[in-house]
Amino acid sequence: MGAVLGPIFDASLLLSLIDATSVEQVLSGGLARFLERVGDLSIRFRNQTYRDVAYETLSFGRRRDLHQQALAAIEETLEDTDDEAEVLSYHALHARDFRRCWDYSQTAAKKAQSSYAMVEAAVLFERALTAGAQLPAVDLSETWEALGDVSIKAGMYEKAKRAFDKARALGPHPAGRAAMLCRKEAVTAMHRGQATSITRWINRGLAFVATSTSPEELKVRSDLRLTYGEVLQRRRRNGDAVALADLAGADAVAAGNDAALARALTLRGLALLDLGRINELDCLTDALRLWEEDGSIHDQAIVATVLGAVAYHTGQWDDAVAFFERCGRDFERAGDVSNAGYGIVNRADIVLDQGRGSEVVSDLHDVVRVWRAVGLLYPIPSALINLGRCALERGDIEDALAHFTQARAMRDAAGRVETDYWLAECALRSGDASRTLTLVNELLRVEEAGGGT
């Protein structure tokens, strides 16, 4: 029975299940070689292997029966089963009590999600789906979508793609939901660096809600426009991004949705900042206020990032550092470890401007490793550029060129302005005047074409 309860388990639960009167009775004889006390309330296996061997030697039927006994015993001791929903879902699954497993897994997954434990939530949604597949007349589409949502936030983009595909395949869906699933496919494609797929999914989603007037569908249309606007802004098509932000904001106001409006204001501010229109950024303060009222820590982190950039470009470096540090903290609190790296990269911009690049080299390498590991490709060039700047600071032009060239290869044509600037800097420091002039002239041409100042 102990092996069924797990590597460590409540002593009183075990005693009730095996009809023993004391822990000493359990640990007497040969069992003391394998089990030990943990304080006054728990028992654990001395080695995980002992537990695994004991569990694997049980027949399938015996395991099921013991899990059923454990499930019933735990339920009997609880006033509120939600408190132990994760443990109960585990026992229900192996007891083949799929209805209870479905219910408990959903409860535990949503609890983990609300606590920003996204990896744990993904495991629990998958457990719910395993159970749900065995039940008649259960709609799995929303649970597949929920798995995709938490997988995105946990940086598990392949898992998210599969989950959203499954959710869509279980249609047909109402227009608003079909459009929202297309938007989530577009966001997944963005994280996976699939530019063509982003546009395809956005257009497909907009087709579902092109003439919508209901608040729910107007909100989805706003989200689709904002997602595409964010993509265009990263490509330095800032004028188009502002236009989409304004259209999305109008949809948000018509829908009475403050969260969608806050996101539109955020995109507008980011694009205006890139256009150098510093005096038009009150929209960012409004966006942060709306997100604070909404309680979305993740979105507060996004706006903090942009406000940090504003402070940076206006020479308020202490404020910029404070915003970037808040960004990192809020992303981590939201369970988004991948995006927490933005705070490190942005803080590195300031440290480098102060001539202290050696302080951030290790952190930048860590960020690149994390982003590569989770498949988050599009922000990697920013970290590589800062690593190149660190190399320039210490006089290693060869290493700087390697980082800038690698960053350039990962960006599309519109995104190469910054890398080409630093390549021009390398050419200048190497004494190659002709190469420097060629790069600078091309930079000026691209900036003018993109509406930059």
Protein backbone atom coordinates (compact mmCIF):
# COMPACT_ATOMS: atom_id res chain seq x y z
CA MET A 1 0.00 0.00 0.00
CA GLY A 2 2.83 2.44 0.79
CA ALA A 3 4.09 2.26 -2.79
CA VAL A 4 0.64 3.27 -4.06
CA LEU A 5 0.58 6.32 -1.78
CA GLY A 6 3.84 7.66 -3.22
CA PRO A 7 7.47 8.27 -2.23
CA ILE A 8 6.35 10.07 0.94
CA PHE A 9 2.93 9.75 2.57
CA ASP A 10 0.83 10.51 5.60
CA ALA A 11 1.43 7.97 8.35
CA SER A 12 -2.13 8.07 9.68
CA LEU A 13 -3.51 7.40 6.20
CA LEU A 14 -1.34 4.32 5.85
CA LEU A 15 -2.33 3.06 9.31
CA SER A 16 -6.03 3.40 8.48
CA LEU A 17 -5.62 1.54 5.21
CA ILE A 18 -3.62 -1.43 6.54
CA ASP A 19 -5.34 -1.65 9.93
CA ALA A 20 -2.15 -1.06 11.91
CA THR A 21 -2.05 0.73 15.26
CA SER A 22 1.35 2.47 15.19
CA VAL A 23 4.17 3.52 12.93
CA GLU A 24 6.50 1.31 14.99
CA GLN A 25 4.39 -1.67 14.00
CA VAL A 26 4.76 -0.74 10.33
CA LEU A 27 8.52 -0.27 10.58
CA SER A 28 9.17 -3.41 12.58
CA GLY A 29 11.04 -6.28 11.00
CA GLY A 30 12.34 -6.06 7.45
CA LEU A 31 10.33 -3.01 6.38
CA ALA A 32 12.66 -0.69 8.29
CA ARG A 33 15.24 -1.35 5.57
CA PHE A 34 12.97 0.35 3.05
CA LEU A 35 10.91 2.89 5.02
CA GLU A 36 11.70 5.64 7.53
CA ARG A 37 9.89 8.28 9.56
CA VAL A 38 9.80 11.92 8.47
CA GLY A 39 8.92 13.80 11.65
CA ASP A 40 5.86 12.62 13.52
CA LEU A 41 3.36 12.66 10.67
CA SER A 42 4.93 11.10 7.59
CA ILE A 43 6.74 8.03 6.29
CA ARG A 44 8.92 7.84 3.21
CA PHE A 45 10.83 5.29 1.19
CA ARG A 46 14.55 5.47 1.87
CA ASN A 47 15.22 5.29 -1.86
CA GLN A 48 12.99 5.99 -4.87
CA THR A 49 14.06 2.69 -6.37
CA TYR A 50 12.54 0.80 -3.44
CA ARG A 51 9.21 2.48 -4.08
CA ASP A 52 9.37 1.87 -7.84
CA VAL A 53 10.17 -1.82 -7.44
CA ALA A 54 7.41 -2.31 -4.88
CA TYR A 55 4.89 -0.57 -7.16
CA GLU A 56 5.90 -2.42 -10.32
CA THR A 57 5.59 -5.84 -8.65
CA LEU A 58 1.88 -5.21 -7.99
CA SER A 59 -0.49 -6.70 -10.55
CA PHE A 60 -2.59 -4.27 -12.57
CA GLY A 61 -5.74 -5.31 -10.77
CA ARG A 62 -4.14 -5.03 -7.34
CA ARG A 63 -2.83 -1.54 -8.12
CA ARG A 64 -6.29 -0.43 -9.22
CA ASP A 65 -7.89 -1.77 -6.04
CA LEU A 66 -5.30 -0.12 -3.79
CA HIS A 67 -5.64 3.23 -5.57
CA GLN A 68 -9.40 2.97 -5.14
CA GLN A 69 -8.96 2.34 -1.42
CA ALA A 70 -6.59 5.29 -1.12
CA LEU A 71 -8.99 7.53 -3.02
CA ALA A 72 -11.91 6.64 -0.78
CA ALA A 73 -9.86 6.98 2.42
CA ILE A 74 -8.52 10.44 1.49
CA GLU A 75 -11.98 11.68 0.45
CA GLU A 76 -13.38 10.52 3.77
CA THR A 77 -10.90 12.60 5.75
CA LEU A 78 -11.48 15.86 3.83
CA GLU A 79 -14.06 18.56 4.38
CA ASP A 80 -13.15 20.17 1.06
CA THR A 81 -11.78 17.81 -1.60
CA ASP A 82 -10.52 20.78 -3.65
CA ASP A 83 -7.63 21.08 -1.18
CA GLU A 84 -6.23 17.71 -2.30
CA ALA A 85 -7.60 17.63 -5.85
CA GLU A 86 -4.20 16.88 -7.41
CA VAL A 87 -3.58 13.82 -5.20
CA LEU A 88 -7.16 12.64 -5.62
CA SER A 89 -6.91 12.96 -9.42
CA TYR A 90 -3.79 10.78 -9.39
CA HIS A 91 -5.45 8.00 -7.40
CA ALA A 92 -8.67 8.27 -9.43
CA LEU A 93 -6.73 7.87 -12.68
CA HIS A 94 -4.97 4.71 -11.53
CA ALA A 95 -8.16 3.40 -9.97
CA ARG A 96 -9.71 3.87 -13.44
CA ASP A 97 -12.39 6.05 -11.89
CA PHE A 98 -12.34 8.35 -14.89
CA ARG A 99 -15.25 10.59 -13.87
CA ARG A 100 -13.59 11.50 -10.57
CA CYS A 101 -10.23 11.87 -12.30
CA TRP A 102 -11.77 14.26 -14.84
CA ASP A 103 -13.35 16.40 -12.13
CA TYR A 104 -10.39 16.44 -9.75
CA SER A 105 -7.83 17.06 -12.52
CA GLN A 106 -9.79 20.04 -13.84
CA THR A 107 -10.05 21.51 -10.33
CA ALA A 108 -6.35 21.00 -9.60
CA ALA A 109 -5.26 22.33 -12.99
CA LYS A 110 -7.25 25.54 -12.62
CA LYS A 111 -5.88 26.00 -9.11
CA ALA A 112 -2.31 25.59 -10.39
CA GLN A 113 -3.04 27.98 -13.26
CA SER A 114 -4.38 30.63 -10.90
CA SER A 115 -1.17 30.28 -8.85
CA TYR A 116 0.92 30.74 -12.04
CA ALA A 117 2.26 27.16 -11.79
CA MET A 118 1.92 26.65 -15.53
CA VAL A 119 3.99 23.46 -15.93
CA GLU A 120 2.00 21.74 -13.16
CA ALA A 121 -1.25 22.97 -14.70
CA ALA A 122 -0.25 21.46 -18.05
CA VAL A 123 0.38 18.06 -16.44
CA LEU A 124 -3.02 18.18 -14.77
CA PHE A 125 -4.92 19.25 -17.89
CA GLU A 126 -3.25 16.35 -19.71
CA ARG A 127 -4.41 14.02 -16.94
CA ALA A 128 -7.94 15.36 -17.34
CA LEU A 129 -7.79 14.73 -21.08
CA THR A 130 -6.61 11.15 -20.49
CA ALA A 131 -9.62 10.56 -18.26
CA GLY A 132 -12.03 12.48 -20.48
CA ALA A 133 -11.16 10.33 -23.47
CA GLN A 134 -12.68 7.39 -21.56
CA LEU A 135 -15.97 9.15 -20.78
CA PRO A 136 -19.03 9.41 -23.01
CA ALA A 137 -20.37 12.78 -24.16
CA VAL A 138 -17.53 14.86 -22.70
CA ASP A 139 -16.46 17.98 -24.63
CA LEU A 140 -12.67 17.96 -24.60
CA SER A 141 -12.22 21.07 -26.76
CA GLU A 142 -12.08 23.60 -23.93
CA THR A 143 -9.61 21.48 -21.97
CA TRP A 144 -7.35 21.13 -25.00
CA GLU A 145 -7.52 24.92 -25.35
CA ALA A 146 -6.70 25.38 -21.65
CA LEU A 147 -3.69 23.05 -22.08
CA GLY A 148 -2.53 25.22 -24.98
CA ASP A 149 -2.93 28.40 -22.90
CA VAL A 150 -0.78 27.19 -20.00
CA SER A 151 1.75 25.60 -22.36
CA ILE A 152 2.30 28.95 -24.10
CA LYS A 153 2.97 30.63 -20.76
CA ALA A 154 5.31 27.81 -19.72
CA GLY A 155 7.29 28.15 -22.95
CA MET A 156 6.22 24.71 -24.24
CA TYR A 157 5.34 25.81 -27.76
CA GLU A 158 5.21 22.41 -29.49
CA LYS A 159 2.77 21.19 -26.84
CA ALA A 160 0.72 24.38 -27.27
CA LYS A 161 0.55 23.90 -31.05
CA ARG A 162 -0.71 20.33 -30.66
CA ALA A 163 -3.27 21.38 -28.05
CA PHE A 164 -4.76 24.20 -30.15
CA ASP A 165 -4.88 21.92 -33.20
CA LYS A 166 -6.84 19.38 -31.14
CA ALA A 167 -9.21 22.07 -29.83
CA ARG A 168 -9.97 23.34 -33.35
CA ALA A 169 -10.48 19.83 -34.71
CA LEU A 170 -13.26 19.21 -32.17
CA GLY A 171 -15.47 21.84 -33.81
CA PRO A 172 -17.46 23.25 -35.43
CA HIS A 173 -17.23 26.23 -33.08
CA PRO A 174 -19.16 29.51 -32.86
CA ALA A 175 -17.54 32.28 -34.89
CA GLY A 176 -16.03 34.05 -31.87
CA ARG A 177 -14.40 30.92 -30.47
CA ALA A 178 -13.18 29.76 -33.88
CA ALA A 179 -11.57 33.19 -34.38
CA MET A 180 -9.97 33.11 -30.92
CA LEU A 181 -8.46 29.68 -31.58
CA CYS A 182 -6.99 31.07 -34.82
CA ARG A 183 -5.48 33.91 -32.81
CA LYS A 184 -3.91 31.45 -30.39
CA GLU A 185 -2.48 29.50 -33.34
CA ALA A 186 -0.98 32.79 -34.57
CA VAL A 187 0.59 33.51 -31.17
CA THR A 188 2.07 30.00 -31.11
CA ALA A 189 3.46 30.49 -34.61
CA MET A 190 4.98 33.82 -33.47
CA HIS A 191 6.80 32.12 -30.60
CA ARG A 192 8.01 29.40 -32.98
CA GLY A 193 9.34 31.99 -35.46
CA GLN A 194 6.92 31.05 -38.28
CA ALA A 195 6.19 34.40 -39.91
CA THR A 196 4.05 33.11 -42.80
CA SER A 197 1.84 31.09 -40.47
CA ILE A 198 1.18 34.14 -38.28
CA THR A 199 -0.38 36.09 -41.15
CA ARG A 200 -2.37 33.08 -42.34
CA TRP A 201 -3.91 32.43 -38.93
CA ILE A 202 -4.72 36.12 -38.33
CA ASN A 203 -6.50 36.45 -41.68
CA ARG A 204 -8.36 33.20 -41.09
CA GLY A 205 -9.51 34.42 -37.68
CA LEU A 206 -10.58 37.86 -38.94
CA ALA A 207 -12.76 36.19 -41.59
CA PHE A 208 -14.87 34.64 -38.82
CA VAL A 209 -15.63 38.01 -37.17
CA ALA A 210 -15.36 40.48 -40.05
CA THR A 211 -18.93 41.79 -39.65
CA SER A 212 -19.47 41.01 -35.95
CA THR A 213 -21.33 43.35 -33.63
CA SER A 214 -21.61 41.32 -30.41
CA PRO A 215 -19.31 42.35 -27.52
CA GLU A 216 -17.74 38.89 -27.36
CA GLU A 217 -16.83 38.82 -31.03
CA LEU A 218 -15.72 42.46 -31.09
CA LYS A 219 -13.29 41.59 -28.29
CA VAL A 220 -11.91 38.68 -30.35
CA ARG A 221 -11.54 40.91 -33.41
CA SER A 222 -9.68 43.42 -31.25
CA ASP A 223 -7.34 40.65 -30.06
CA LEU A 224 -6.66 39.48 -33.63
CA ARG A 225 -5.84 43.00 -34.81
CA LEU A 226 -3.58 43.54 -31.82
CA THR A 227 -1.72 40.29 -32.37
CA TYR A 228 -1.00 41.25 -35.96
CA GLY A 229 -0.16 44.79 -34.92
CA GLU A 230 2.40 43.43 -32.45
CA VAL A 231 3.96 41.39 -35.25
CA LEU A 232 4.15 44.45 -37.53
CA GLN A 233 5.62 46.54 -34.75
CA ARG A 234 8.43 44.01 -34.31
CA ARG A 235 9.05 44.33 -38.05
CA ARG A 236 9.32 48.12 -37.55
CA ARG A 237 6.13 48.80 -39.52
CA ASN A 238 5.16 51.17 -36.76
CA GLY A 239 2.70 53.29 -38.71
CA ASP A 240 0.68 50.18 -39.58
CA ALA A 241 0.94 49.01 -35.97
CA VAL A 242 -0.51 52.32 -34.69
CA ALA A 243 -3.39 52.05 -37.17
CA LEU A 244 -4.21 48.52 -36.03
CA ALA A 245 -3.94 49.55 -32.38
CA ASP A 246 -6.49 52.32 -32.99
CA LEU A 247 -8.89 49.93 -34.79
CA ALA A 248 -8.49 47.38 -32.00
CA GLY A 249 -9.02 50.06 -29.37
CA ALA A 250 -12.28 51.12 -31.05
CA ASP A 251 -13.48 47.48 -31.00
CA ALA A 252 -12.51 47.23 -27.33
CA VAL A 253 -14.46 50.37 -26.40
CA ALA A 254 -17.50 49.13 -28.35
CA ALA A 255 -17.26 45.80 -26.55
CA GLY A 256 -16.85 47.51 -23.16
CA ASN A 257 -13.68 45.49 -22.56
CA ASP A 258 -11.03 47.34 -20.54
CA ALA A 259 -8.44 44.55 -20.89
CA ALA A 260 -8.58 44.72 -24.69
CA LEU A 261 -8.37 48.53 -24.51
CA ALA A 262 -5.31 48.30 -22.23
CA ARG A 263 -3.62 46.02 -24.74
CA ALA A 264 -4.41 48.42 -27.60
CA LEU A 265 -2.95 51.33 -25.61
CA THR A 266 0.17 49.25 -24.91
CA LEU A 267 0.74 48.50 -28.60
CA ARG A 268 0.12 52.12 -29.57
CA GLY A 269 2.66 53.29 -27.01
CA LEU A 270 5.29 50.80 -28.13
CA ALA A 271 4.93 51.79 -31.79
CA LEU A 272 4.97 55.52 -31.01
CA LEU A 273 8.09 55.04 -28.91
CA ASP A 274 9.83 53.36 -31.84
CA LEU A 275 8.75 56.27 -34.05
CA GLY A 276 10.37 58.68 -31.60
CA ARG A 277 7.08 60.35 -30.65
CA ILE A 278 7.98 60.51 -26.95
CA ASN A 279 5.47 63.25 -26.12
CA GLU A 280 2.49 61.07 -27.13
CA LEU A 281 2.98 58.23 -24.63
CA ASP A 282 0.36 59.02 -21.97
CA CYS A 283 -1.44 55.95 -23.35
CA LEU A 284 1.10 53.74 -21.55
CA THR A 285 0.26 55.17 -18.13
CA ASP A 286 -3.42 54.57 -18.90
CA ALA A 287 -2.63 51.01 -19.97
CA LEU A 288 -0.75 50.23 -16.75
CA ARG A 289 -3.61 51.63 -14.65
CA LEU A 290 -6.12 49.44 -16.51
CA TRP A 291 -3.97 46.33 -16.10
CA GLU A 292 -3.52 47.01 -12.39
CA GLU A 293 -7.29 47.33 -12.02
CA ASP A 294 -7.71 44.10 -13.99
CA GLY A 295 -5.13 42.31 -11.82
CA SER A 296 -3.20 40.81 -14.73
CA ILE A 297 0.39 40.53 -13.49
CA HIS A 298 1.59 39.26 -16.87
CA ASP A 299 0.27 42.30 -18.73
CA GLN A 300 1.58 44.67 -16.07
CA ALA A 301 5.00 43.19 -16.81
CA ILE A 302 4.60 43.94 -20.52
CA VAL A 303 3.72 47.59 -19.90
CA ALA A 304 6.51 47.91 -17.34
CA THR A 305 8.88 46.80 -20.09
CA VAL A 306 7.69 49.55 -22.41
CA LEU A 307 7.70 52.21 -19.68
CA GLY A 308 11.25 51.14 -18.89
CA ALA A 309 12.14 51.74 -22.53
CA VAL A 310 10.55 55.20 -22.37
CA ALA A 311 12.55 56.06 -19.25
CA TYR A 312 15.69 54.73 -20.93
CA HIS A 313 15.23 56.85 -24.07
CA THR A 314 14.53 59.97 -22.01
CA GLY A 315 17.65 59.52 -19.89
CA GLN A 316 15.86 58.50 -16.67
CA TRP A 317 18.08 55.50 -16.10
CA ASP A 318 17.17 54.83 -12.47
CA ASP A 319 13.48 54.71 -13.42
CA ALA A 320 14.32 52.49 -16.37
CA VAL A 321 16.16 50.00 -14.17
CA ALA A 322 13.25 49.96 -11.71
CA PHE A 323 10.74 49.25 -14.50
CA PHE A 324 12.91 46.52 -16.04
CA GLU A 325 13.40 44.86 -12.66
CA ARG A 326 9.64 45.02 -12.08
CA CYS A 327 9.13 43.46 -15.50
CA GLY A 328 11.35 40.49 -14.60
CA ARG A 329 9.68 40.01 -11.20
CA ASP A 330 6.16 40.21 -12.60
CA PHE A 331 6.87 37.77 -15.42
CA GLU A 332 8.34 35.30 -12.91
CA ARG A 333 5.33 35.75 -10.59
CA ALA A 334 3.09 35.03 -13.58
CA GLY A 335 4.96 31.78 -14.22
CA ASP A 336 6.42 33.08 -17.49
CA VAL A 337 10.10 32.27 -17.04
CA SER A 338 10.83 32.77 -20.75
CA ASN A 339 9.63 36.37 -20.85
CA ALA A 340 11.38 37.14 -17.57
CA GLY A 341 14.52 37.23 -19.71
CA TYR A 342 13.37 40.52 -21.24
CA GLY A 343 14.07 42.27 -17.96
CA ILE A 344 17.67 41.00 -18.05
CA VAL A 345 18.22 42.02 -21.68
CA ASN A 346 16.72 45.46 -21.16
CA ARG A 347 18.69 46.08 -17.98
CA ALA A 348 21.80 45.08 -19.94
CA ASP A 349 21.14 47.97 -22.35
CA ILE A 350 21.54 50.40 -19.46
CA VAL A 351 24.52 48.67 -17.89
CA LEU A 352 26.28 48.67 -21.26
CA ASP A 353 25.58 52.38 -21.74
CA GLN A 354 27.29 52.88 -18.38
CA GLY A 355 30.35 50.88 -19.50
CA ARG A 356 29.73 47.92 -17.16
CA GLY A 357 29.07 45.17 -19.67
CA SER A 358 31.13 42.60 -17.78
CA GLU A 359 28.37 42.53 -15.13
CA VAL A 360 25.75 41.10 -17.51
CA VAL A 361 27.67 38.70 -19.81
CA SER A 362 26.82 35.60 -17.76
CA ASP A 363 23.14 36.55 -17.39
CA LEU A 364 22.82 37.20 -21.12
CA HIS A 365 24.28 33.79 -21.96
CA ASP A 366 21.77 32.23 -19.55
CA VAL A 367 18.89 34.02 -21.24
CA VAL A 368 19.98 32.83 -24.68
CA ARG A 369 20.20 29.24 -23.39
CA VAL A 370 16.72 29.40 -21.85
CA TRP A 371 15.15 30.93 -24.95
CA ARG A 372 16.79 28.36 -27.23
CA ALA A 373 15.70 25.53 -24.92
CA VAL A 374 12.03 26.54 -25.03
CA GLY A 375 12.08 27.45 -28.73
CA LEU A 376 11.52 31.18 -28.15
CA LEU A 377 13.53 32.42 -31.12
CA TYR A 378 12.47 35.96 -32.03
CA PRO A 379 13.94 37.79 -28.97
CA ILE A 380 17.29 35.96 -29.09
CA PRO A 381 18.87 38.54 -31.44
CA SER A 382 18.40 41.24 -28.77
CA ALA A 383 20.44 39.21 -26.29
CA LEU A 384 23.06 38.40 -28.95
CA ILE A 385 23.39 42.10 -29.82
CA ASN A 386 24.08 42.91 -26.18
CA LEU A 387 26.65 40.12 -26.01
CA GLY A 388 28.26 41.70 -29.09
CA ARG A 389 28.28 45.07 -27.34
CA CYS A 390 29.95 43.45 -24.33
CA ALA A 391 32.64 42.12 -26.67
CA LEU A 392 33.15 45.57 -28.21
CA GLU A 393 33.47 47.05 -24.75
CA ARG A 394 36.39 44.73 -23.97
CA GLY A 395 37.92 45.31 -27.43
CA ASP A 396 37.18 41.88 -28.92
CA ILE A 397 35.93 42.91 -32.38
CA GLU A 398 36.04 39.33 -33.72
CA ASP A 399 33.69 38.06 -30.99
CA ALA A 400 31.45 41.10 -31.46
CA LEU A 401 31.19 40.44 -35.20
CA ALA A 402 30.26 36.82 -34.52
CA HIS A 403 27.40 37.82 -32.23
CA PHE A 404 26.10 40.62 -34.48
CA THR A 405 26.26 38.37 -37.56
CA GLN A 406 24.41 35.59 -35.75
CA ALA A 407 21.76 38.08 -34.61
CA ARG A 408 21.37 39.44 -38.14
CA ALA A 409 20.82 35.94 -39.55
CA MET A 410 17.90 35.44 -37.17
CA ARG A 411 16.06 38.62 -38.19
CA ASP A 412 14.07 39.50 -41.29
CA ALA A 413 15.00 42.46 -43.48
CA ALA A 414 13.04 45.01 -41.43
CA GLY A 415 14.62 43.79 -38.20
CA ARG A 416 18.21 44.11 -39.37
CA VAL A 417 18.55 47.85 -38.83
CA GLU A 418 19.94 47.46 -35.32
CA THR A 419 22.33 44.65 -36.22
CA ASP A 420 23.59 46.54 -39.25
CA TYR A 421 24.25 49.59 -37.06
CA TRP A 422 26.50 47.49 -34.85
CA LEU A 423 28.16 45.84 -37.84
CA ALA A 424 28.91 49.37 -39.08
CA GLU A 425 30.41 50.14 -35.66
CA CYS A 426 32.65 47.08 -35.98
CA ALA A 427 33.71 48.16 -39.47
CA LEU A 428 34.52 51.65 -38.16
CA ARG A 429 36.61 50.32 -35.28
CA SER A 430 38.42 47.99 -37.68
CA GLY A 431 39.37 50.96 -39.88
CA ASP A 432 37.22 49.83 -42.87
CA ALA A 433 35.83 53.21 -43.93
CA SER A 434 34.29 51.96 -47.19
CA ARG A 435 32.32 49.19 -45.46
CA THR A 436 31.22 51.63 -42.75
CA LEU A 437 29.88 54.16 -45.27
CA THR A 438 28.01 51.49 -47.25
CA LEU A 439 26.26 50.19 -44.12
CA VAL A 440 25.37 53.67 -42.84
CA ASN A 441 23.87 54.73 -46.18
CA GLU A 442 21.74 51.57 -46.28
CA LEU A 443 20.63 52.17 -42.69
CA LEU A 444 19.49 55.69 -43.53
CA ARG A 445 17.53 54.42 -46.53
CA VAL A 446 15.72 51.76 -44.49
CA GLU A 447 14.94 54.15 -41.63
CA GLU A 448 13.42 56.73 -43.99
CA ALA A 449 11.33 54.06 -45.73
CA GLY A 450 10.06 52.77 -42.37
CA GLY A 451 8.99 56.17 -41.07
CA GLY A 452 11.74 56.39 -38.49
CA THR A 453 13.36 59.60 -37.34
